[in-house]
Amino acid sequence: MPLLWACSAENEPTKKCVGIWEVELLHEGANAEVVNGRLQLRIQDPQTDHDIRLIQRQTDYHTPAHLGVYVYFENFDSETTGANNFDMQLKTWYAYNYSPTILLAGVTTGTFGVRAEANNIKYYGYDGEAPDHVQFGGSGQNISFAGVSGTFTIPAIQPDPKTIYIDFGVNQNTGTGRSSYIAVDITEVSFNKEVGKDELLNDTFDCNSLTIK
């Protein structure tokens, strides 16, 4: 079980410590911890593309209907064995609450660059070293992704309550070696007002905002 910092008056200068994120850890090698204004995600012997999953859920309908998120990160790192490493990846995506396993729109960044997906179509963008943030957004029937050229037409975004996921893990369909350890520090997750209103909460990790499921 990961060690999580408790909140106190000394380490919560800007907000109360609340359970902003539900956190799922798929195995004992996965660890999520808030340390010094960073959400540190660490995985020994990563196995899937979501060994660690962060979750926020809406409960209300939001009109107009928007999608959007910024995820800023640093210290994207891995240790590998074999000729080539599996794709270490950080993925952020939305689903409707009534179809929580069906991707509405999302973007993945990792050792392969940036890949986006919406309406069951994959869009290939920036190749090479991962940038320092993941960003996408849309309204109506239009959506765009940072690192992928163009604006794409999708079925109209509905005002129905949505779930946002942030996944960290590896893509074992790529590479001939094995990632023995992967790590990333998330420094901020933010939403604009139209997307989240008072439900999806911005987080700069001033204090422990995690609830381990």
N, C-alpha and C. Protein backbone atom coordinates (compact mmCIF):
# COMPACT_ATOMS: atom_id res chain seq x y z
N MET A 1 0.85 -1.19 0.00
CA MET A 1 0.00 0.00 0.00
C MET A 1 0.88 1.24 0.00
N PRO A 2 0.65 2.19 -0.93
CA PRO A 2 1.50 3.35 -1.01
C PRO A 2 1.36 4.24 0.20
N LEU A 3 2.42 4.95 0.53
CA LEU A 3 2.40 5.90 1.62
C LEU A 3 1.93 7.23 1.07
N LEU A 4 0.91 7.82 1.66
CA LEU A 4 0.36 9.09 1.21
C LEU A 4 0.49 10.11 2.32
N TRP A 5 0.98 11.30 1.98
CA TRP A 5 1.12 12.34 2.98
C TRP A 5 -0.24 12.74 3.52
N ALA A 6 -0.31 12.91 4.81
CA ALA A 6 -1.52 13.44 5.42
C ALA A 6 -1.50 14.96 5.30
N CYS A 7 -2.69 15.57 5.37
CA CYS A 7 -2.79 17.01 5.26
C CYS A 7 -2.72 17.65 6.64
N SER A 8 -2.18 18.83 6.67
CA SER A 8 -2.14 19.60 7.90
C SER A 8 -2.18 21.06 7.52
N ALA A 9 -2.31 21.94 8.53
CA ALA A 9 -2.33 23.37 8.25
C ALA A 9 -1.05 23.82 7.58
N GLU A 10 0.06 23.12 7.85
CA GLU A 10 1.34 23.51 7.29
C GLU A 10 1.47 23.18 5.80
N ASN A 11 0.82 22.11 5.33
CA ASN A 11 1.03 21.72 3.93
C ASN A 11 -0.22 21.88 3.07
N GLU A 12 -1.16 22.70 3.51
CA GLU A 12 -2.32 23.00 2.68
C GLU A 12 -2.56 24.50 2.63
N PRO A 13 -1.60 25.28 2.10
CA PRO A 13 -1.73 26.72 2.13
C PRO A 13 -2.80 27.27 1.21
N THR A 14 -3.18 26.55 0.14
CA THR A 14 -4.08 27.13 -0.85
C THR A 14 -5.45 26.47 -0.90
N LYS A 15 -5.62 25.31 -0.32
CA LYS A 15 -6.91 24.65 -0.37
C LYS A 15 -6.96 23.55 0.67
N LYS A 16 -8.16 23.09 0.95
CA LYS A 16 -8.31 21.96 1.85
C LYS A 16 -7.92 20.68 1.12
N CYS A 17 -7.46 19.72 1.90
CA CYS A 17 -7.17 18.41 1.32
C CYS A 17 -8.48 17.66 1.14
N VAL A 18 -8.80 17.36 -0.09
CA VAL A 18 -10.04 16.63 -0.38
C VAL A 18 -9.71 15.49 -1.32
N GLY A 19 -10.58 14.51 -1.39
CA GLY A 19 -10.36 13.37 -2.28
C GLY A 19 -10.74 13.71 -3.70
N ILE A 20 -9.94 14.56 -4.35
CA ILE A 20 -10.23 14.95 -5.73
C ILE A 20 -10.16 13.73 -6.65
N TRP A 21 -9.16 12.88 -6.44
CA TRP A 21 -8.93 11.76 -7.33
C TRP A 21 -9.20 10.43 -6.65
N GLU A 22 -9.98 9.58 -7.30
CA GLU A 22 -9.97 8.16 -6.96
C GLU A 22 -8.76 7.55 -7.67
N VAL A 23 -8.02 6.72 -6.98
CA VAL A 23 -6.82 6.13 -7.56
C VAL A 23 -6.92 4.62 -7.51
N GLU A 24 -6.73 3.99 -8.67
CA GLU A 24 -6.69 2.53 -8.76
C GLU A 24 -5.26 2.10 -9.03
N LEU A 25 -4.75 1.17 -8.24
CA LEU A 25 -3.43 0.59 -8.42
C LEU A 25 -3.61 -0.88 -8.75
N LEU A 26 -3.11 -1.31 -9.91
CA LEU A 26 -3.40 -2.67 -10.36
C LEU A 26 -2.55 -3.73 -9.71
N HIS A 27 -1.38 -3.36 -9.18
CA HIS A 27 -0.54 -4.36 -8.53
C HIS A 27 0.38 -3.68 -7.53
N GLU A 28 1.08 -4.48 -6.73
CA GLU A 28 1.85 -3.93 -5.62
C GLU A 28 3.07 -3.13 -6.08
N GLY A 29 3.46 -3.26 -7.34
CA GLY A 29 4.57 -2.46 -7.84
C GLY A 29 4.20 -1.05 -8.24
N ALA A 30 2.92 -0.72 -8.20
CA ALA A 30 2.44 0.61 -8.59
C ALA A 30 2.26 1.49 -7.36
N ASN A 31 2.75 2.73 -7.43
CA ASN A 31 2.68 3.63 -6.29
C ASN A 31 2.33 5.04 -6.74
N ALA A 32 1.42 5.68 -6.03
CA ALA A 32 1.04 7.07 -6.27
C ALA A 32 1.19 7.84 -4.97
N GLU A 33 1.90 8.97 -5.03
CA GLU A 33 2.20 9.72 -3.81
C GLU A 33 2.35 11.20 -4.14
N VAL A 34 1.77 12.06 -3.30
CA VAL A 34 1.91 13.51 -3.45
C VAL A 34 3.10 13.96 -2.60
N VAL A 35 4.11 14.56 -3.27
CA VAL A 35 5.32 14.98 -2.59
C VAL A 35 5.76 16.33 -3.15
N ASN A 36 5.85 17.33 -2.29
CA ASN A 36 6.41 18.63 -2.66
C ASN A 36 5.77 19.22 -3.92
N GLY A 37 4.45 19.22 -3.96
CA GLY A 37 3.74 19.83 -5.08
C GLY A 37 3.75 19.03 -6.35
N ARG A 38 4.04 17.74 -6.26
CA ARG A 38 4.04 16.86 -7.43
C ARG A 38 3.31 15.57 -7.09
N LEU A 39 2.58 15.07 -8.06
CA LEU A 39 2.01 13.74 -7.94
C LEU A 39 3.01 12.77 -8.57
N GLN A 40 3.69 12.01 -7.75
CA GLN A 40 4.70 11.09 -8.23
C GLN A 40 4.07 9.72 -8.50
N LEU A 41 4.15 9.28 -9.76
CA LEU A 41 3.66 7.97 -10.16
C LEU A 41 4.88 7.10 -10.46
N ARG A 42 4.98 5.96 -9.79
CA ARG A 42 6.12 5.06 -9.94
C ARG A 42 5.60 3.64 -10.10
N ILE A 43 6.15 2.89 -11.07
CA ILE A 43 5.71 1.51 -11.29
C ILE A 43 6.93 0.62 -11.48
N GLN A 44 7.10 -0.33 -10.59
CA GLN A 44 8.07 -1.41 -10.77
C GLN A 44 7.39 -2.55 -11.53
N ASP A 45 8.08 -3.06 -12.54
CA ASP A 45 7.55 -4.16 -13.35
C ASP A 45 6.19 -3.80 -13.94
N PRO A 46 6.10 -2.71 -14.73
CA PRO A 46 4.80 -2.33 -15.31
C PRO A 46 4.27 -3.42 -16.24
N GLN A 47 2.94 -3.57 -16.23
CA GLN A 47 2.33 -4.69 -16.93
C GLN A 47 1.26 -4.29 -17.93
N THR A 48 0.54 -3.19 -17.68
CA THR A 48 -0.57 -2.80 -18.55
C THR A 48 -0.48 -1.31 -18.85
N ASP A 49 -1.39 -0.82 -19.68
CA ASP A 49 -1.41 0.60 -20.00
C ASP A 49 -2.10 1.43 -18.93
N HIS A 50 -2.60 0.79 -17.88
CA HIS A 50 -3.22 1.55 -16.78
C HIS A 50 -2.92 0.89 -15.44
N ASP A 51 -1.64 0.61 -15.19
CA ASP A 51 -1.25 0.10 -13.88
C ASP A 51 -1.65 1.08 -12.78
N ILE A 52 -1.62 2.38 -13.10
CA ILE A 52 -2.15 3.41 -12.21
C ILE A 52 -3.22 4.17 -12.97
N ARG A 53 -4.37 4.35 -12.35
CA ARG A 53 -5.47 5.11 -12.96
C ARG A 53 -6.01 6.13 -11.96
N LEU A 54 -6.07 7.39 -12.40
CA LEU A 54 -6.70 8.48 -11.63
C LEU A 54 -8.07 8.76 -12.24
N ILE A 55 -9.05 9.05 -11.38
CA ILE A 55 -10.43 9.19 -11.86
C ILE A 55 -11.09 10.40 -11.20
N GLN A 56 -11.78 11.21 -12.01
CA GLN A 56 -12.76 12.18 -11.51
C GLN A 56 -14.05 11.96 -12.27
N ARG A 57 -15.18 12.13 -11.58
CA ARG A 57 -16.48 11.90 -12.20
C ARG A 57 -17.39 13.12 -12.03
N GLN A 58 -18.11 13.44 -13.10
CA GLN A 58 -19.20 14.40 -13.01
C GLN A 58 -20.47 13.68 -12.57
N THR A 59 -21.36 14.42 -11.94
CA THR A 59 -22.66 13.86 -11.58
C THR A 59 -23.80 14.62 -12.25
N ASP A 60 -23.54 15.87 -12.68
CA ASP A 60 -24.58 16.70 -13.28
C ASP A 60 -24.42 16.80 -14.79
N TYR A 61 -25.51 17.19 -15.45
CA TYR A 61 -25.46 17.51 -16.87
C TYR A 61 -24.92 18.94 -17.01
N HIS A 62 -24.07 19.16 -18.04
CA HIS A 62 -23.44 20.46 -18.22
C HIS A 62 -23.71 20.96 -19.63
N THR A 63 -24.41 22.10 -19.71
CA THR A 63 -24.71 22.74 -20.98
C THR A 63 -24.14 24.15 -20.96
N PRO A 64 -23.37 24.57 -22.00
CA PRO A 64 -23.04 23.79 -23.19
C PRO A 64 -22.07 22.65 -22.87
N ALA A 65 -22.03 21.66 -23.75
CA ALA A 65 -21.24 20.46 -23.51
C ALA A 65 -19.82 20.65 -24.05
N HIS A 66 -18.83 20.52 -23.18
CA HIS A 66 -17.43 20.69 -23.54
C HIS A 66 -16.62 19.51 -23.04
N LEU A 67 -15.49 19.28 -23.71
CA LEU A 67 -14.42 18.43 -23.21
C LEU A 67 -13.16 19.28 -23.10
N GLY A 68 -12.28 18.90 -22.22
CA GLY A 68 -11.01 19.61 -22.19
C GLY A 68 -10.24 19.36 -20.92
N VAL A 69 -8.92 19.36 -21.04
CA VAL A 69 -8.06 19.17 -19.87
C VAL A 69 -6.63 19.55 -20.26
N TYR A 70 -5.88 20.03 -19.27
CA TYR A 70 -4.43 20.23 -19.36
C TYR A 70 -3.80 19.35 -18.28
N VAL A 71 -2.78 18.58 -18.66
CA VAL A 71 -2.01 17.79 -17.70
C VAL A 71 -0.54 18.13 -17.93
N TYR A 72 0.08 18.75 -16.92
CA TYR A 72 1.49 19.12 -17.02
C TYR A 72 2.32 18.13 -16.22
N PHE A 73 3.46 17.73 -16.81
CA PHE A 73 4.27 16.71 -16.14
C PHE A 73 5.74 16.93 -16.43
N GLU A 74 6.58 16.21 -15.68
CA GLU A 74 8.04 16.25 -15.88
C GLU A 74 8.63 14.94 -15.37
N ASN A 75 9.94 14.79 -15.56
CA ASN A 75 10.67 13.61 -15.09
C ASN A 75 10.07 12.31 -15.62
N PHE A 76 9.75 12.31 -16.91
CA PHE A 76 9.25 11.11 -17.58
C PHE A 76 10.44 10.17 -17.77
N ASP A 77 10.45 9.02 -17.11
CA ASP A 77 11.66 8.22 -17.05
C ASP A 77 11.34 6.74 -17.03
N SER A 78 12.28 5.93 -17.52
CA SER A 78 12.09 4.49 -17.49
C SER A 78 13.44 3.79 -17.45
N GLU A 79 13.43 2.56 -16.94
CA GLU A 79 14.57 1.66 -16.99
C GLU A 79 14.12 0.42 -17.75
N THR A 80 14.98 -0.07 -18.63
CA THR A 80 14.56 -1.16 -19.52
C THR A 80 15.60 -2.26 -19.58
N THR A 81 15.15 -3.42 -20.03
CA THR A 81 16.03 -4.52 -20.37
C THR A 81 15.66 -4.99 -21.76
N GLY A 82 16.59 -5.59 -22.48
CA GLY A 82 16.31 -6.03 -23.83
C GLY A 82 16.68 -4.97 -24.85
N ALA A 83 16.46 -5.29 -26.12
CA ALA A 83 16.89 -4.41 -27.21
C ALA A 83 16.10 -3.11 -27.26
N ASN A 84 14.82 -3.18 -27.06
CA ASN A 84 13.96 -2.01 -27.13
C ASN A 84 12.96 -2.05 -25.98
N ASN A 85 12.63 -0.87 -25.48
CA ASN A 85 11.67 -0.84 -24.38
C ASN A 85 10.24 -0.80 -24.91
N PHE A 86 9.30 -1.30 -24.10
CA PHE A 86 7.89 -1.11 -24.39
C PHE A 86 7.58 0.38 -24.33
N ASP A 87 6.49 0.79 -24.91
CA ASP A 87 6.09 2.19 -24.88
C ASP A 87 5.59 2.56 -23.49
N MET A 88 6.37 3.34 -22.76
CA MET A 88 5.87 4.00 -21.56
C MET A 88 4.87 5.06 -22.00
N GLN A 89 3.73 5.15 -21.34
CA GLN A 89 2.72 6.08 -21.81
C GLN A 89 1.88 6.66 -20.68
N LEU A 90 1.50 7.92 -20.89
CA LEU A 90 0.58 8.64 -20.03
C LEU A 90 -0.62 9.00 -20.89
N LYS A 91 -1.80 8.55 -20.49
CA LYS A 91 -3.01 8.72 -21.30
C LYS A 91 -4.08 9.44 -20.50
N THR A 92 -4.73 10.40 -21.13
CA THR A 92 -5.83 11.13 -20.52
C THR A 92 -7.04 11.02 -21.44
N TRP A 93 -8.19 10.60 -20.88
CA TRP A 93 -9.35 10.37 -21.76
C TRP A 93 -10.66 10.53 -21.00
N TYR A 94 -11.69 10.80 -21.78
CA TYR A 94 -13.05 10.95 -21.26
C TYR A 94 -13.93 9.80 -21.73
N ALA A 95 -14.92 9.47 -20.89
CA ALA A 95 -16.00 8.55 -21.26
C ALA A 95 -17.28 9.08 -20.63
N TYR A 96 -18.42 8.75 -21.24
CA TYR A 96 -19.69 9.04 -20.58
C TYR A 96 -19.86 8.08 -19.41
N ASN A 97 -20.48 8.55 -18.34
CA ASN A 97 -20.65 7.71 -17.16
C ASN A 97 -21.45 6.44 -17.46
N TYR A 98 -22.37 6.53 -18.41
CA TYR A 98 -23.17 5.34 -18.73
C TYR A 98 -22.41 4.35 -19.61
N SER A 99 -21.25 4.76 -20.14
CA SER A 99 -20.38 3.85 -20.91
C SER A 99 -18.94 4.06 -20.46
N PRO A 100 -18.63 3.71 -19.23
CA PRO A 100 -17.35 4.11 -18.63
C PRO A 100 -16.13 3.48 -19.25
N THR A 101 -16.28 2.44 -20.06
CA THR A 101 -15.12 1.80 -20.68
C THR A 101 -14.95 2.17 -22.15
N ILE A 102 -15.85 2.99 -22.68
CA ILE A 102 -15.80 3.36 -24.10
C ILE A 102 -15.23 4.77 -24.22
N LEU A 103 -14.07 4.89 -24.85
CA LEU A 103 -13.38 6.16 -24.97
C LEU A 103 -14.18 7.13 -25.84
N LEU A 104 -14.46 8.31 -25.28
CA LEU A 104 -15.10 9.38 -26.03
C LEU A 104 -14.06 10.19 -26.79
N ALA A 105 -13.03 10.59 -26.11
CA ALA A 105 -11.89 11.27 -26.72
C ALA A 105 -10.74 11.21 -25.74
N GLY A 106 -9.53 11.13 -26.28
CA GLY A 106 -8.37 11.07 -25.39
C GLY A 106 -7.08 11.26 -26.15
N VAL A 107 -6.01 11.45 -25.41
CA VAL A 107 -4.70 11.62 -26.00
C VAL A 107 -3.68 10.88 -25.14
N THR A 108 -2.70 10.26 -25.82
CA THR A 108 -1.66 9.50 -25.17
C THR A 108 -0.32 10.07 -25.57
N THR A 109 0.58 10.22 -24.60
CA THR A 109 1.94 10.64 -24.90
C THR A 109 2.91 9.67 -24.25
N GLY A 110 4.05 9.48 -24.90
CA GLY A 110 5.01 8.53 -24.35
C GLY A 110 6.28 8.47 -25.16
N THR A 111 6.96 7.35 -25.10
CA THR A 111 8.23 7.21 -25.80
C THR A 111 8.05 7.27 -27.31
N PHE A 112 6.83 7.11 -27.79
CA PHE A 112 6.54 7.13 -29.23
C PHE A 112 6.06 8.49 -29.70
N GLY A 113 5.80 9.45 -28.80
CA GLY A 113 5.26 10.75 -29.17
C GLY A 113 3.82 10.89 -28.74
N VAL A 114 3.03 11.62 -29.54
CA VAL A 114 1.65 11.93 -29.19
C VAL A 114 0.70 11.20 -30.13
N ARG A 115 -0.31 10.54 -29.55
CA ARG A 115 -1.35 9.86 -30.32
C ARG A 115 -2.70 10.25 -29.71
N ALA A 116 -3.65 10.61 -30.56
CA ALA A 116 -4.98 11.00 -30.09
C ALA A 116 -6.01 10.04 -30.65
N GLU A 117 -7.19 10.02 -30.02
CA GLU A 117 -8.26 9.16 -30.50
C GLU A 117 -9.61 9.79 -30.16
N ALA A 118 -10.52 9.71 -31.10
CA ALA A 118 -11.91 10.13 -30.91
C ALA A 118 -12.75 9.47 -31.98
N ASN A 119 -13.99 9.09 -31.62
CA ASN A 119 -14.91 8.47 -32.58
C ASN A 119 -14.28 7.24 -33.24
N ASN A 120 -13.53 6.47 -32.46
CA ASN A 120 -12.89 5.23 -32.93
C ASN A 120 -11.87 5.46 -34.04
N ILE A 121 -11.37 6.69 -34.16
CA ILE A 121 -10.34 7.01 -35.13
C ILE A 121 -9.09 7.47 -34.39
N LYS A 122 -7.93 6.96 -34.79
CA LYS A 122 -6.67 7.37 -34.19
C LYS A 122 -6.02 8.44 -35.05
N TYR A 123 -5.48 9.46 -34.38
CA TYR A 123 -4.81 10.56 -35.06
C TYR A 123 -3.36 10.59 -34.59
N TYR A 124 -2.42 10.58 -35.52
CA TYR A 124 -1.01 10.48 -35.20
C TYR A 124 -0.37 11.85 -35.28
N GLY A 125 0.31 12.22 -34.22
CA GLY A 125 0.90 13.55 -34.17
C GLY A 125 2.39 13.49 -33.95
N TYR A 126 2.84 14.31 -33.05
CA TYR A 126 4.26 14.50 -32.77
C TYR A 126 4.95 13.18 -32.44
N ASP A 127 6.09 12.93 -33.08
CA ASP A 127 6.91 11.76 -32.79
C ASP A 127 8.15 12.19 -32.04
N GLY A 128 8.64 11.30 -31.20
CA GLY A 128 9.89 11.59 -30.49
C GLY A 128 9.66 11.76 -29.00
N GLU A 129 10.57 12.48 -28.36
CA GLU A 129 10.52 12.64 -26.90
C GLU A 129 9.21 13.29 -26.47
N ALA A 130 8.65 12.82 -25.39
CA ALA A 130 7.36 13.33 -24.92
C ALA A 130 7.46 14.81 -24.56
N PRO A 131 6.46 15.61 -24.93
CA PRO A 131 6.42 17.01 -24.49
C PRO A 131 6.15 17.07 -22.98
N ASP A 132 6.00 18.30 -22.46
CA ASP A 132 5.83 18.44 -21.01
C ASP A 132 4.38 18.59 -20.60
N HIS A 133 3.45 18.35 -21.53
CA HIS A 133 2.04 18.44 -21.16
C HIS A 133 1.19 17.64 -22.14
N VAL A 134 0.00 17.29 -21.67
CA VAL A 134 -1.04 16.70 -22.50
C VAL A 134 -2.21 17.68 -22.49
N GLN A 135 -2.75 17.97 -23.65
CA GLN A 135 -3.82 18.96 -23.74
C GLN A 135 -4.76 18.61 -24.87
N PHE A 136 -6.07 18.66 -24.61
CA PHE A 136 -7.03 18.58 -25.70
C PHE A 136 -8.34 19.20 -25.25
N GLY A 137 -9.18 19.52 -26.22
CA GLY A 137 -10.45 20.12 -25.88
C GLY A 137 -11.36 20.23 -27.08
N GLY A 138 -12.66 20.39 -26.79
CA GLY A 138 -13.61 20.53 -27.88
C GLY A 138 -14.99 20.86 -27.37
N SER A 139 -15.85 21.25 -28.29
CA SER A 139 -17.26 21.50 -28.00
C SER A 139 -18.03 21.26 -29.28
N GLY A 140 -19.34 21.04 -29.15
CA GLY A 140 -20.14 20.76 -30.34
C GLY A 140 -19.65 19.50 -31.01
N GLN A 141 -19.24 19.62 -32.28
CA GLN A 141 -18.73 18.48 -33.04
C GLN A 141 -17.26 18.64 -33.40
N ASN A 142 -16.56 19.53 -32.72
CA ASN A 142 -15.16 19.79 -33.04
C ASN A 142 -14.27 19.50 -31.84
N ILE A 143 -13.10 18.93 -32.12
CA ILE A 143 -12.14 18.66 -31.07
C ILE A 143 -10.73 18.81 -31.63
N SER A 144 -9.81 19.26 -30.81
CA SER A 144 -8.42 19.39 -31.23
C SER A 144 -7.51 18.90 -30.12
N PHE A 145 -6.30 18.50 -30.50
CA PHE A 145 -5.34 17.92 -29.58
C PHE A 145 -3.99 18.61 -29.75
N ALA A 146 -3.39 19.03 -28.65
CA ALA A 146 -2.04 19.58 -28.72
C ALA A 146 -1.08 18.51 -29.22
N GLY A 147 -0.26 18.86 -30.20
CA GLY A 147 0.69 17.91 -30.74
C GLY A 147 0.18 17.15 -31.96
N VAL A 148 -1.10 17.35 -32.30
CA VAL A 148 -1.69 16.71 -33.48
C VAL A 148 -2.30 17.81 -34.34
N SER A 149 -1.87 17.92 -35.58
CA SER A 149 -2.31 19.01 -36.43
C SER A 149 -3.78 18.86 -36.83
N GLY A 150 -4.52 19.96 -36.76
CA GLY A 150 -5.88 19.97 -37.28
C GLY A 150 -6.94 19.98 -36.20
N THR A 151 -8.16 20.27 -36.63
CA THR A 151 -9.36 20.17 -35.80
C THR A 151 -10.23 19.09 -36.43
N PHE A 152 -10.78 18.22 -35.60
CA PHE A 152 -11.45 17.03 -36.11
C PHE A 152 -12.93 17.05 -35.77
N THR A 153 -13.74 16.53 -36.69
CA THR A 153 -15.19 16.46 -36.50
C THR A 153 -15.55 15.14 -35.85
N ILE A 154 -16.35 15.21 -34.81
CA ILE A 154 -16.79 14.03 -34.07
C ILE A 154 -18.30 14.12 -33.85
N PRO A 155 -18.95 13.03 -33.46
CA PRO A 155 -20.35 13.14 -33.08
C PRO A 155 -20.52 14.19 -31.98
N ALA A 156 -21.63 14.89 -32.01
CA ALA A 156 -21.83 16.01 -31.08
C ALA A 156 -21.59 15.57 -29.64
N ILE A 157 -20.77 16.33 -28.94
CA ILE A 157 -20.52 16.07 -27.51
C ILE A 157 -21.81 16.33 -26.74
N GLN A 158 -22.19 15.38 -25.93
CA GLN A 158 -23.44 15.47 -25.18
C GLN A 158 -23.20 16.11 -23.81
N PRO A 159 -24.22 16.72 -23.22
CA PRO A 159 -24.06 17.32 -21.89
C PRO A 159 -24.09 16.29 -20.75
N ASP A 160 -24.22 15.01 -21.08
CA ASP A 160 -24.33 13.97 -20.07
C ASP A 160 -23.09 13.95 -19.17
N PRO A 161 -23.27 13.51 -17.91
CA PRO A 161 -22.12 13.41 -16.99
C PRO A 161 -21.04 12.52 -17.57
N LYS A 162 -19.79 12.93 -17.33
CA LYS A 162 -18.65 12.24 -17.90
C LYS A 162 -17.66 11.86 -16.80
N THR A 163 -16.79 10.92 -17.15
CA THR A 163 -15.67 10.54 -16.29
C THR A 163 -14.39 10.86 -17.02
N ILE A 164 -13.41 11.42 -16.31
CA ILE A 164 -12.09 11.61 -16.89
C ILE A 164 -11.11 10.68 -16.19
N TYR A 165 -10.26 10.06 -17.00
CA TYR A 165 -9.25 9.14 -16.50
C TYR A 165 -7.86 9.66 -16.88
N ILE A 166 -6.90 9.46 -16.01
CA ILE A 166 -5.49 9.62 -16.33
C ILE A 166 -4.83 8.29 -16.03
N ASP A 167 -4.28 7.66 -17.06
CA ASP A 167 -3.68 6.33 -16.94
C ASP A 167 -2.18 6.41 -17.14
N PHE A 168 -1.44 5.59 -16.39
CA PHE A 168 0.00 5.51 -16.55
C PHE A 168 0.39 4.04 -16.60
N GLY A 169 1.18 3.68 -17.64
CA GLY A 169 1.59 2.30 -17.78
C GLY A 169 2.42 2.10 -19.03
N VAL A 170 2.35 0.92 -19.63
CA VAL A 170 3.13 0.59 -20.82
C VAL A 170 2.23 -0.06 -21.86
N ASN A 171 2.64 0.09 -23.12
CA ASN A 171 1.98 -0.59 -24.23
C ASN A 171 2.84 -1.80 -24.60
N GLN A 172 2.43 -2.98 -24.21
CA GLN A 172 3.25 -4.16 -24.42
C GLN A 172 3.15 -4.70 -25.84
N ASN A 173 2.40 -4.03 -26.70
CA ASN A 173 2.32 -4.45 -28.10
C ASN A 173 3.46 -3.88 -28.94
N THR A 174 4.29 -3.04 -28.33
CA THR A 174 5.38 -2.39 -29.05
C THR A 174 6.69 -2.65 -28.34
N GLY A 175 7.73 -2.96 -29.11
CA GLY A 175 9.05 -3.16 -28.54
C GLY A 175 9.35 -4.63 -28.30
N THR A 176 10.62 -4.95 -28.20
CA THR A 176 11.04 -6.33 -27.99
C THR A 176 11.70 -6.54 -26.64
N GLY A 177 11.85 -5.48 -25.88
CA GLY A 177 12.43 -5.58 -24.55
C GLY A 177 11.37 -5.47 -23.49
N ARG A 178 11.79 -5.03 -22.31
CA ARG A 178 10.84 -4.92 -21.21
C ARG A 178 11.20 -3.73 -20.34
N SER A 179 10.20 -2.90 -20.05
CA SER A 179 10.39 -1.81 -19.10
C SER A 179 10.31 -2.37 -17.70
N SER A 180 11.39 -2.24 -16.95
CA SER A 180 11.40 -2.76 -15.59
C SER A 180 10.93 -1.73 -14.58
N TYR A 181 10.93 -0.45 -14.98
CA TYR A 181 10.54 0.63 -14.06
C TYR A 181 10.16 1.83 -14.90
N ILE A 182 9.06 2.50 -14.56
CA ILE A 182 8.68 3.74 -15.21
C ILE A 182 8.24 4.75 -14.16
N ALA A 183 8.38 6.04 -14.50
CA ALA A 183 8.07 7.09 -13.53
C ALA A 183 7.65 8.36 -14.25
N VAL A 184 6.81 9.15 -13.60
CA VAL A 184 6.46 10.48 -14.08
C VAL A 184 5.99 11.30 -12.88
N ASP A 185 6.24 12.61 -12.93
CA ASP A 185 5.74 13.54 -11.92
C ASP A 185 4.72 14.45 -12.58
N ILE A 186 3.48 14.41 -12.14
CA ILE A 186 2.44 15.32 -12.65
C ILE A 186 2.41 16.53 -11.74
N THR A 187 2.53 17.72 -12.33
CA THR A 187 2.60 18.94 -11.53
C THR A 187 1.28 19.71 -11.50
N GLU A 188 0.41 19.48 -12.48
CA GLU A 188 -0.86 20.20 -12.50
C GLU A 188 -1.84 19.51 -13.42
N VAL A 189 -3.10 19.47 -13.02
CA VAL A 189 -4.21 19.08 -13.88
C VAL A 189 -5.24 20.19 -13.78
N SER A 190 -5.67 20.74 -14.90
CA SER A 190 -6.62 21.85 -14.84
C SER A 190 -7.66 21.74 -15.94
N PHE A 191 -8.82 22.32 -15.63
CA PHE A 191 -9.97 22.34 -16.52
C PHE A 191 -10.45 23.78 -16.66
N ASN A 192 -11.01 24.13 -17.83
CA ASN A 192 -11.62 25.44 -17.90
C ASN A 192 -13.03 25.37 -17.32
N LYS A 193 -13.62 26.52 -17.06
CA LYS A 193 -14.89 26.58 -16.34
C LYS A 193 -16.00 25.86 -17.08
N GLU A 194 -16.01 25.96 -18.42
CA GLU A 194 -17.09 25.35 -19.19
C GLU A 194 -17.07 23.83 -19.07
N VAL A 195 -15.87 23.27 -18.96
CA VAL A 195 -15.74 21.81 -18.90
C VAL A 195 -16.15 21.28 -17.55
N GLY A 196 -15.61 21.87 -16.49
CA GLY A 196 -15.77 21.29 -15.17
C GLY A 196 -16.82 21.92 -14.30
N LYS A 197 -17.09 23.21 -14.53
CA LYS A 197 -17.91 23.97 -13.60
C LYS A 197 -17.40 23.72 -12.19
N ASP A 198 -18.23 23.28 -11.27
CA ASP A 198 -17.76 23.06 -9.91
C ASP A 198 -17.56 21.59 -9.60
N GLU A 199 -17.48 20.74 -10.64
CA GLU A 199 -17.35 19.31 -10.41
C GLU A 199 -15.96 18.79 -10.68
N LEU A 200 -15.44 19.01 -11.88
CA LEU A 200 -14.08 18.59 -12.17
C LEU A 200 -13.13 19.64 -11.59
N LEU A 201 -12.29 19.23 -10.66
CA LEU A 201 -11.51 20.17 -9.87
C LEU A 201 -10.06 20.24 -10.35
N ASN A 202 -9.57 21.47 -10.49
CA ASN A 202 -8.16 21.67 -10.78
C ASN A 202 -7.33 21.19 -9.60
N ASP A 203 -6.10 20.75 -9.90
CA ASP A 203 -5.24 20.25 -8.83
C ASP A 203 -3.79 20.60 -9.14
N THR A 204 -3.16 21.34 -8.24
CA THR A 204 -1.73 21.62 -8.33
C THR A 204 -0.96 20.84 -7.27
N PHE A 205 -1.62 19.91 -6.62
CA PHE A 205 -0.99 18.96 -5.71
C PHE A 205 -0.25 19.67 -4.56
N ASP A 206 -0.92 20.71 -4.03
CA ASP A 206 -0.42 21.37 -2.84
C ASP A 206 -0.51 20.46 -1.62
N CYS A 207 -1.39 19.49 -1.68
CA CYS A 207 -1.56 18.58 -0.57
C CYS A 207 -2.12 17.27 -1.14
N ASN A 208 -2.25 16.28 -0.30
CA ASN A 208 -2.70 14.96 -0.74
C ASN A 208 -4.16 14.99 -1.17
N SER A 209 -4.40 14.82 -2.46
CA SER A 209 -5.76 14.86 -3.01
C SER A 209 -6.19 13.48 -3.50
N LEU A 210 -5.54 12.41 -3.01
CA LEU A 210 -5.77 11.07 -3.52
C LEU A 210 -6.60 10.23 -2.55
N THR A 211 -7.50 9.45 -3.12
CA THR A 211 -8.21 8.41 -2.37
C THR A 211 -7.93 7.09 -3.05
N ILE A 212 -7.21 6.21 -2.38
CA ILE A 212 -6.86 4.92 -2.95
C ILE A 212 -8.04 3.99 -2.84
N LYS A 213 -8.45 3.41 -3.96
CA LYS A 213 -9.60 2.49 -3.95
C LYS A 213 -9.14 1.08 -3.62
